[in-house]
Amino acid sequence: MHPVALKIGSLTIHWYGIMVLVGVVVGWVTTVHRARRHGFDPDHVTELVPWIVIGGLAGARLFFVILFWKEYFADAPLWEIFMINHGGLVFYGGVIGGVIAGLTLVRKRRLPVWQTADLVVPGVAIGYALGRIGCFLNGCCFGRPCDLPWAVRFPDWHASGGLPVHPVQLYEFGWALLAYFFLEWLYKRREFEGQVTGAFILIYSVCRFGMEMFRGDYPPSKYLLGLTPAQVISIPLFLVGVVVLVIRARNAHSQVSQ
């Protein structure tokens, strides 16, 4: 666990913030490259990325603050709400914030919605993967205790109590990285617009639901019917992915038939 990368006077730079930034840059670069290869104006990507990033960070932080207000913010200085470099982002909130901000620009520029979404989604996957490395270095989003050979130990003062736990952050890095390569492969072979987006929604909802079984950082008060907040959201999100794939496939088929 190495949350602090370096200190410059009173300025402390955390690895979590660095890895989030690295994820954004890598996601942007790979998306621009994909755009150039497939005839999409890369300038639109460059313009779109800041909107998605700002909206995503705002949404992710807002969800975290709402979910964990009592644990982390009720007795903390008000400015702690804005200190995302300390950790504390909820990916679902980031998706909602990023989608709202991204759609705003897409509508403004009159870009094709599903084509643009398919182009951007693989970059989201690789960005998410790298962000989980930041979680590991920061010690947040940690796993349940286990006695497996690859279990990790955080310091004794950590919330895990120094017990060996699942390196669940690395599990998530692994599946998200594989998802990125699969989505890149699928993008080149997609049969209809929206297919890559729908596939990512399905992959994320299933994998996130499964990964939550190894998480150990949720207080008991956060569970609903034995499910974590992320698992609760994963269920309707999975249905959204199914609906996206079915409707987009039917629309594409009907257009071909005409």
Protein backbone atom coordinates (compact mmCIF):
# COMPACT_ATOMS: atom_id res chain seq x y z
CA MET A 1 0.00 0.00 0.00
CA HIS A 2 1.62 3.25 -1.20
CA PRO A 3 -1.04 5.98 -1.28
CA VAL A 4 1.39 8.91 -1.45
CA ALA A 5 3.51 9.23 -4.58
CA LEU A 6 5.47 12.31 -3.49
CA LYS A 7 5.30 15.46 -1.43
CA ILE A 8 6.33 18.90 -2.64
CA GLY A 9 6.20 21.21 0.34
CA SER A 10 2.60 21.19 1.55
CA LEU A 11 1.42 19.57 -1.70
CA THR A 12 0.79 15.83 -1.45
CA ILE A 13 0.33 13.85 -4.65
CA HIS A 14 -1.43 10.50 -4.26
CA TRP A 15 -1.01 7.49 -6.51
CA TYR A 16 -4.77 7.20 -6.74
CA GLY A 17 -5.04 10.56 -8.45
CA ILE A 18 -2.09 9.74 -10.70
CA MET A 19 -3.62 6.45 -11.83
CA VAL A 20 -6.99 8.08 -12.50
CA LEU A 21 -5.18 10.63 -14.66
CA VAL A 22 -3.21 7.88 -16.42
CA GLY A 23 -6.46 6.03 -17.08
CA VAL A 24 -8.02 9.13 -18.61
CA VAL A 25 -5.01 9.76 -20.86
CA VAL A 26 -4.73 6.14 -22.01
CA GLY A 27 -8.48 5.97 -22.66
CA TRP A 28 -8.30 9.18 -24.67
CA VAL A 29 -5.24 8.13 -26.71
CA THR A 30 -6.67 4.71 -27.59
CA THR A 31 -10.01 6.25 -28.55
CA VAL A 32 -8.34 8.83 -30.83
CA HIS A 33 -6.37 6.03 -32.47
CA ARG A 34 -9.56 4.02 -32.96
CA ALA A 35 -11.30 7.04 -34.45
CA ARG A 36 -8.55 7.61 -37.00
CA ARG A 37 -8.58 3.97 -38.06
CA HIS A 38 -12.32 3.91 -38.62
CA GLY A 39 -13.02 7.27 -40.24
CA PHE A 40 -14.33 9.11 -37.19
CA ASP A 41 -13.13 12.69 -36.74
CA PRO A 42 -10.56 12.51 -33.90
CA ASP A 43 -11.19 16.18 -33.11
CA HIS A 44 -14.65 15.21 -31.91
CA VAL A 45 -13.05 12.69 -29.54
CA THR A 46 -10.62 15.27 -28.21
CA GLU A 47 -13.50 17.65 -27.59
CA LEU A 48 -15.67 14.96 -26.04
CA VAL A 49 -13.14 13.55 -23.57
CA PRO A 50 -13.03 16.55 -21.18
CA TRP A 51 -16.84 16.61 -21.04
CA ILE A 52 -17.00 12.91 -20.18
CA VAL A 53 -14.14 13.14 -17.68
CA ILE A 54 -15.50 16.16 -15.82
CA GLY A 55 -19.05 14.82 -15.82
CA GLY A 56 -17.83 11.35 -14.85
CA LEU A 57 -15.68 12.55 -11.97
CA ALA A 58 -18.46 14.78 -10.69
CA GLY A 59 -21.01 11.96 -10.82
CA ALA A 60 -18.64 9.39 -9.32
CA ARG A 61 -17.73 11.67 -6.43
CA LEU A 62 -21.31 12.74 -5.82
CA PHE A 63 -22.45 9.12 -5.52
CA PHE A 64 -19.60 8.33 -3.12
CA VAL A 65 -20.37 11.34 -0.94
CA ILE A 66 -24.05 10.39 -0.81
CA LEU A 67 -23.38 6.72 -0.04
CA PHE A 68 -20.65 7.28 2.53
CA TRP A 69 -21.55 10.65 4.00
CA LYS A 70 -21.77 9.38 7.56
CA GLU A 71 -18.54 7.37 7.39
CA TYR A 72 -16.23 9.90 5.73
CA PHE A 73 -17.74 13.38 5.46
CA ALA A 74 -20.12 14.12 8.32
CA ASP A 75 -17.30 15.09 10.69
CA ALA A 76 -14.70 16.11 8.09
CA PRO A 77 -13.93 19.59 6.72
CA LEU A 78 -16.24 20.58 3.88
CA TRP A 79 -13.41 20.66 1.33
CA GLU A 80 -12.80 16.94 1.84
CA ILE A 81 -15.76 16.42 -0.51
CA PHE A 82 -13.62 17.64 -3.38
CA MET A 83 -10.42 15.72 -2.52
CA ILE A 84 -10.82 12.88 -5.00
CA ASN A 85 -7.07 12.27 -4.90
CA HIS A 86 -7.69 10.69 -1.48
CA GLY A 87 -9.87 8.08 -3.12
CA GLY A 88 -13.62 7.70 -3.17
CA LEU A 89 -15.30 7.39 -6.56
CA VAL A 90 -18.31 5.27 -7.47
CA PHE A 91 -18.10 4.01 -11.04
CA TYR A 92 -21.87 3.88 -11.52
CA GLY A 93 -22.09 7.54 -10.61
CA GLY A 94 -19.28 8.20 -13.05
CA VAL A 95 -21.18 6.46 -15.81
CA ILE A 96 -24.29 8.53 -15.18
CA GLY A 97 -22.36 11.79 -14.97
CA GLY A 98 -20.24 10.95 -18.01
CA VAL A 99 -23.24 9.91 -20.09
CA ILE A 100 -25.14 13.09 -19.26
CA ALA A 101 -22.17 15.32 -20.07
CA GLY A 102 -21.23 13.32 -23.17
CA LEU A 103 -24.76 13.30 -24.55
CA THR A 104 -24.96 17.03 -24.06
CA LEU A 105 -22.02 17.56 -26.40
CA VAL A 106 -23.07 14.81 -28.81
CA ARG A 107 -26.48 16.45 -29.22
CA LYS A 108 -24.89 19.87 -29.52
CA ARG A 109 -22.53 18.67 -32.29
CA ARG A 110 -25.23 16.45 -33.83
CA LEU A 111 -23.01 13.40 -33.72
CA PRO A 112 -24.44 9.86 -34.16
CA VAL A 113 -25.18 8.71 -30.62
CA TRP A 114 -24.62 4.96 -30.86
CA GLN A 115 -21.68 5.21 -33.21
CA THR A 116 -20.02 7.63 -30.82
CA ALA A 117 -20.82 5.46 -27.80
CA ASP A 118 -19.31 2.36 -29.43
CA LEU A 119 -16.19 4.34 -30.24
CA VAL A 120 -15.71 5.61 -26.67
CA VAL A 121 -16.65 2.54 -24.61
CA PRO A 122 -13.39 0.55 -25.01
CA GLY A 123 -11.51 3.60 -23.72
CA VAL A 124 -13.77 3.62 -20.67
CA ALA A 125 -12.85 -0.01 -19.99
CA ILE A 126 -9.09 0.57 -20.09
CA GLY A 127 -9.47 3.73 -18.00
CA TYR A 128 -11.45 1.80 -15.40
CA ALA A 129 -8.80 -0.93 -15.31
CA LEU A 130 -5.99 1.52 -14.62
CA GLY A 131 -8.08 3.33 -12.03
CA ARG A 132 -8.34 0.07 -10.07
CA ILE A 133 -4.55 -0.02 -9.78
CA GLY A 134 -4.93 3.34 -8.06
CA CYS A 135 -7.44 1.79 -5.68
CA PHE A 136 -4.96 -0.96 -4.84
CA LEU A 137 -2.17 1.50 -4.12
CA ASN A 138 -4.53 3.65 -2.09
CA GLY A 139 -5.90 0.73 -0.09
CA CYS A 140 -9.55 1.51 -0.84
CA CYS A 141 -12.14 -0.92 -2.25
CA PHE A 142 -10.32 -3.75 -0.47
CA GLY A 143 -11.38 -7.37 -0.27
CA ARG A 144 -12.69 -9.81 2.30
CA PRO A 145 -10.29 -11.80 4.49
CA CYS A 146 -9.02 -15.00 2.89
CA ASP A 147 -6.19 -17.54 3.23
CA LEU A 148 -5.35 -17.87 -0.47
CA PRO A 149 -1.70 -17.85 -1.56
CA TRP A 150 -2.18 -14.56 -3.42
CA ALA A 151 -3.87 -12.77 -0.51
CA VAL A 152 -2.42 -9.36 0.33
CA ARG A 153 -1.90 -7.61 3.65
CA PHE A 154 -2.36 -3.91 4.18
CA PRO A 155 -0.80 -2.19 7.25
CA ASP A 156 -2.23 -3.00 10.67
CA TRP A 157 -3.84 0.45 10.90
CA HIS A 158 -5.72 -0.16 7.66
CA ALA A 159 -9.47 -0.82 7.83
CA SER A 160 -8.79 -4.47 6.97
CA GLY A 161 -6.95 -4.79 10.29
CA GLY A 162 -3.83 -6.14 8.63
CA LEU A 163 -5.53 -9.44 7.82
CA PRO A 164 -4.80 -11.22 4.53
CA VAL A 165 -7.53 -10.19 2.07
CA HIS A 166 -8.54 -10.74 -1.52
CA PRO A 167 -6.71 -8.31 -3.84
CA VAL A 168 -10.09 -7.53 -5.34
CA GLN A 169 -8.80 -4.33 -6.94
CA LEU A 170 -6.41 -6.45 -9.02
CA TYR A 171 -9.22 -8.86 -9.88
CA GLU A 172 -11.13 -5.91 -11.29
CA PHE A 173 -8.07 -4.65 -13.13
CA GLY A 174 -7.75 -8.08 -14.75
CA TRP A 175 -11.30 -8.45 -16.01
CA ALA A 176 -11.50 -4.82 -17.14
CA LEU A 177 -8.28 -5.20 -19.13
CA LEU A 178 -9.62 -8.34 -20.79
CA ALA A 179 -12.87 -6.49 -21.48
CA TYR A 180 -10.92 -3.72 -23.20
CA PHE A 181 -9.21 -6.15 -25.59
CA PHE A 182 -12.50 -7.93 -26.28
CA LEU A 183 -14.30 -4.65 -26.99
CA GLU A 184 -11.49 -3.57 -29.33
CA TRP A 185 -11.90 -6.88 -31.15
CA LEU A 186 -15.68 -6.55 -31.24
CA TYR A 187 -15.55 -2.96 -32.49
CA LYS A 188 -13.86 -4.09 -35.70
CA ARG A 189 -16.48 -6.80 -36.21
CA ARG A 190 -19.64 -5.15 -34.91
CA GLU A 191 -22.78 -5.89 -36.90
CA PHE A 192 -24.81 -2.90 -35.72
CA GLU A 193 -24.30 0.38 -33.90
CA GLY A 194 -24.75 -0.02 -30.17
CA GLN A 195 -23.40 -3.57 -30.10
CA VAL A 196 -20.13 -2.62 -28.38
CA THR A 197 -21.97 -0.42 -25.87
CA GLY A 198 -24.49 -3.12 -25.04
CA ALA A 199 -21.74 -5.72 -24.69
CA PHE A 200 -19.81 -3.54 -22.25
CA ILE A 201 -22.90 -2.94 -20.14
CA LEU A 202 -23.46 -6.70 -19.89
CA ILE A 203 -19.81 -7.46 -19.14
CA TYR A 204 -19.53 -4.75 -16.53
CA SER A 205 -22.76 -5.58 -14.72
CA VAL A 206 -21.97 -9.32 -14.52
CA CYS A 207 -18.32 -8.89 -13.53
CA ARG A 208 -19.04 -6.14 -11.04
CA PHE A 209 -21.79 -8.20 -9.41
CA GLY A 210 -19.36 -11.11 -9.07
CA MET A 211 -16.45 -9.02 -7.82
CA GLU A 212 -18.60 -7.54 -5.06
CA MET A 213 -18.70 -10.97 -3.46
CA PHE A 214 -15.02 -10.52 -2.63
CA ARG A 215 -15.31 -6.94 -1.32
CA GLY A 216 -14.81 -6.33 2.38
CA ASP A 217 -15.03 -2.56 2.67
CA TYR A 218 -18.79 -2.08 2.92
CA PRO A 219 -20.22 -1.43 6.39
CA PRO A 220 -23.23 -3.64 7.28
CA SER A 221 -25.59 -0.67 6.96
CA LYS A 222 -24.91 -0.47 3.22
CA TYR A 223 -26.30 -3.89 2.38
CA LEU A 224 -29.81 -4.33 0.98
CA LEU A 225 -31.21 -7.87 1.16
CA GLY A 226 -27.65 -9.11 1.48
CA LEU A 227 -26.49 -7.22 -1.62
CA THR A 228 -24.02 -4.36 -1.86
CA PRO A 229 -25.12 -1.09 -3.51
CA ALA A 230 -23.16 -2.01 -6.65
CA GLN A 231 -24.86 -5.41 -6.86
CA VAL A 232 -28.28 -3.81 -6.52
CA ILE A 233 -27.50 -1.47 -9.41
CA SER A 234 -25.91 -4.26 -11.48
CA ILE A 235 -29.21 -6.11 -11.80
CA PRO A 236 -31.19 -3.41 -13.67
CA LEU A 237 -28.02 -2.43 -15.54
CA PHE A 238 -27.77 -5.97 -16.90
CA LEU A 239 -31.34 -5.66 -18.16
CA VAL A 240 -30.43 -2.33 -19.80
CA GLY A 241 -27.61 -4.06 -21.65
CA VAL A 242 -29.95 -6.77 -22.89
CA VAL A 243 -32.51 -4.19 -24.05
CA VAL A 244 -29.83 -2.17 -25.86
CA LEU A 245 -28.56 -5.21 -27.76
CA VAL A 246 -32.02 -6.51 -28.66
CA ILE A 247 -33.47 -3.18 -29.80
CA ARG A 248 -30.36 -2.10 -31.72
CA ALA A 249 -30.12 -5.50 -33.43
CA ARG A 250 -33.80 -5.37 -34.42
CA ASN A 251 -33.44 -1.84 -35.78
CA ALA A 252 -30.40 -2.86 -37.81
CA HIS A 253 -32.23 -5.91 -39.15
CA SER A 254 -35.31 -3.89 -40.10
CA GLN A 255 -33.15 -1.36 -41.95
CA VAL A 256 -31.47 -4.16 -43.92
CA SER A 257 -34.85 -5.71 -44.75
CA GLN A 258 -36.08 -2.42 -46.20
